[in-house]
Amino acid sequence: MIDVIKGALIIAGALFMLLASLGILRLPDLLTRMHATTKAAALGVILVMLAVALHFGEAGVVARAFAIITFILMTAPVAAHVIGRAGYFVGSKLWSGTVKDELRPNYDPLTHELKSGMETEANAARTAKDTDAP
Protein backbone atom coordinates (compact mmCIF):
# COMPACT_ATOMS: atom_id res chain seq x y z
CA MET A 1 0.00 0.00 0.00
CA ILE A 2 2.86 2.37 0.83
CA ASP A 3 4.35 1.72 -2.60
CA VAL A 4 1.11 2.81 -4.25
CA ILE A 5 1.03 6.02 -2.18
CA LYS A 6 4.68 6.74 -2.97
CA GLY A 7 4.07 6.16 -6.66
CA ALA A 8 0.99 8.37 -6.65
CA LEU A 9 2.89 11.16 -4.87
CA ILE A 10 5.79 10.98 -7.32
CA ILE A 11 3.50 10.95 -10.35
CA ALA A 12 1.41 13.81 -8.99
CA GLY A 13 4.54 15.81 -8.16
CA ALA A 14 5.98 15.21 -11.60
CA LEU A 15 2.70 16.26 -13.21
CA PHE A 16 2.62 19.49 -11.22
CA MET A 17 6.20 20.24 -12.26
CA LEU A 18 5.26 19.47 -15.86
CA LEU A 19 2.35 21.91 -15.55
CA ALA A 20 4.75 24.53 -14.19
CA SER A 21 7.04 24.07 -17.16
CA LEU A 22 4.09 24.28 -19.56
CA GLY A 23 3.07 27.48 -17.82
CA ILE A 24 6.46 28.98 -18.55
CA LEU A 25 6.10 28.10 -22.20
CA ARG A 26 2.44 28.99 -22.73
CA LEU A 27 1.60 31.97 -20.52
CA PRO A 28 2.05 35.42 -22.01
CA ASP A 29 3.92 37.56 -19.48
CA LEU A 30 6.20 37.47 -16.46
CA LEU A 31 3.53 37.72 -13.80
CA THR A 32 1.30 34.98 -15.15
CA ARG A 33 4.30 32.72 -15.72
CA MET A 34 5.39 33.26 -12.16
CA HIS A 35 1.89 32.53 -10.95
CA ALA A 36 1.96 29.14 -12.64
CA THR A 37 5.48 28.17 -11.75
CA THR A 38 5.47 29.22 -8.12
CA LYS A 39 2.40 27.30 -7.10
CA ALA A 40 2.71 24.26 -9.33
CA ALA A 41 6.45 23.75 -8.91
CA ALA A 42 6.28 24.20 -5.14
CA LEU A 43 3.45 21.71 -4.86
CA GLY A 44 5.29 19.28 -7.14
CA VAL A 45 8.45 19.41 -5.07
CA ILE A 46 6.46 19.04 -1.87
CA LEU A 47 4.74 15.90 -3.17
CA VAL A 48 8.05 14.41 -4.27
CA MET A 49 9.58 15.18 -0.87
CA LEU A 50 6.66 13.45 0.83
CA ALA A 51 7.32 10.41 -1.34
CA VAL A 52 10.99 10.53 -0.37
CA ALA A 53 10.06 10.68 3.31
CA LEU A 54 7.75 7.68 2.91
CA HIS A 55 10.29 5.71 0.89
CA PHE A 56 13.23 5.99 3.26
CA GLY A 57 11.33 6.17 6.53
CA GLU A 58 14.43 7.12 8.51
CA ALA A 59 14.27 9.96 10.98
CA GLY A 60 17.12 11.89 9.38
CA VAL A 61 15.69 11.69 5.87
CA VAL A 62 12.16 12.52 7.02
CA ALA A 63 13.46 15.52 8.97
CA ARG A 64 15.37 16.76 5.92
CA ALA A 65 12.35 16.24 3.67
CA PHE A 66 10.13 18.26 6.00
CA ALA A 67 12.83 20.91 6.34
CA ILE A 68 12.89 21.21 2.55
CA ILE A 69 9.09 21.43 2.45
CA THR A 70 9.11 24.13 5.14
CA PHE A 71 11.84 26.03 3.32
CA ILE A 72 9.90 25.92 0.05
CA LEU A 73 6.69 27.05 1.73
CA MET A 74 8.50 29.97 3.35
CA THR A 75 10.62 31.13 0.43
CA ALA A 76 8.63 30.48 -2.76
CA PRO A 77 5.95 33.14 -2.18
CA VAL A 78 8.49 35.72 -1.05
CA ALA A 79 10.80 35.04 -3.97
CA ALA A 80 7.90 35.21 -6.43
CA HIS A 81 6.75 38.50 -4.95
CA VAL A 82 10.21 40.03 -5.14
CA ILE A 83 10.85 38.81 -8.69
CA GLY A 84 7.45 40.03 -9.84
CA ARG A 85 7.96 43.40 -8.24
CA ALA A 86 11.42 43.74 -9.76
CA GLY A 87 10.04 42.74 -13.15
CA TYR A 88 7.34 45.37 -12.88
CA PHE A 89 9.83 48.03 -11.85
CA VAL A 90 12.18 47.35 -14.77
CA GLY A 91 9.30 47.67 -17.18
CA SER A 92 8.32 44.12 -17.98
CA LYS A 93 5.26 44.41 -20.19
CA LEU A 94 1.98 43.11 -18.93
CA TRP A 95 -0.21 40.91 -21.05
CA SER A 96 -2.68 42.87 -23.20
CA GLY A 97 -5.52 41.03 -21.46
CA THR A 98 -4.48 42.19 -18.02
CA VAL A 99 -7.59 43.58 -16.38
CA LYS A 100 -6.20 45.28 -13.31
CA ASP A 101 -2.88 46.97 -12.57
CA GLU A 102 -2.98 48.01 -8.94
CA LEU A 103 0.58 49.34 -8.88
CA ARG A 104 0.15 51.82 -11.72
CA PRO A 105 -1.45 54.68 -9.72
CA ASN A 106 1.07 54.30 -6.89
CA TYR A 107 4.30 53.77 -8.83
CA ASP A 108 6.48 56.50 -10.28
CA PRO A 109 8.68 54.99 -13.04
CA LEU A 110 11.07 57.94 -13.04
CA THR A 111 11.99 57.77 -9.36
CA HIS A 112 11.04 54.10 -8.87
CA GLU A 113 9.13 55.24 -5.82
CA LEU A 114 6.16 53.17 -4.78
CA LYS A 115 3.58 54.82 -2.60
CA SER A 116 1.39 52.78 -0.34
CA GLY A 117 -1.53 55.17 -0.39
CA MET A 118 -1.13 55.54 3.36
CA GLU A 119 1.20 58.52 3.25
CA THR A 120 0.61 61.32 5.69
CA GLU A 121 1.79 64.90 5.48
CA ALA A 122 4.31 64.15 8.23
CA ASN A 123 5.79 61.26 6.23
CA ALA A 124 5.83 63.29 3.01
CA ALA A 125 7.71 66.14 4.69
CA ARG A 126 10.15 63.77 6.36
CA THR A 127 13.76 63.87 5.21
CA ALA A 128 16.08 60.92 5.08
CA LYS A 129 18.19 60.32 8.18
CA ASP A 130 21.48 58.57 8.61
CA THR A 131 19.70 55.67 10.28
CA ASP A 132 17.43 55.09 7.27
CA ALA A 133 18.30 52.28 4.92
CA PRO A 134 19.60 53.45 1.52
Foldseek 3Di string as FASTA:
>chain_A
DLVVLLVVLQVQLVVLQVQLVVLCVPDDFDLSNLVSNLVSNLSSLLSNLVSQCSVVVDPVSVVVSVVVNVVSVVVSVVVSVVVVLVCVLVPTDDDPPDDDDVQVVQADNVVRDGDPVPDDPVNVPDDDDPPDDD
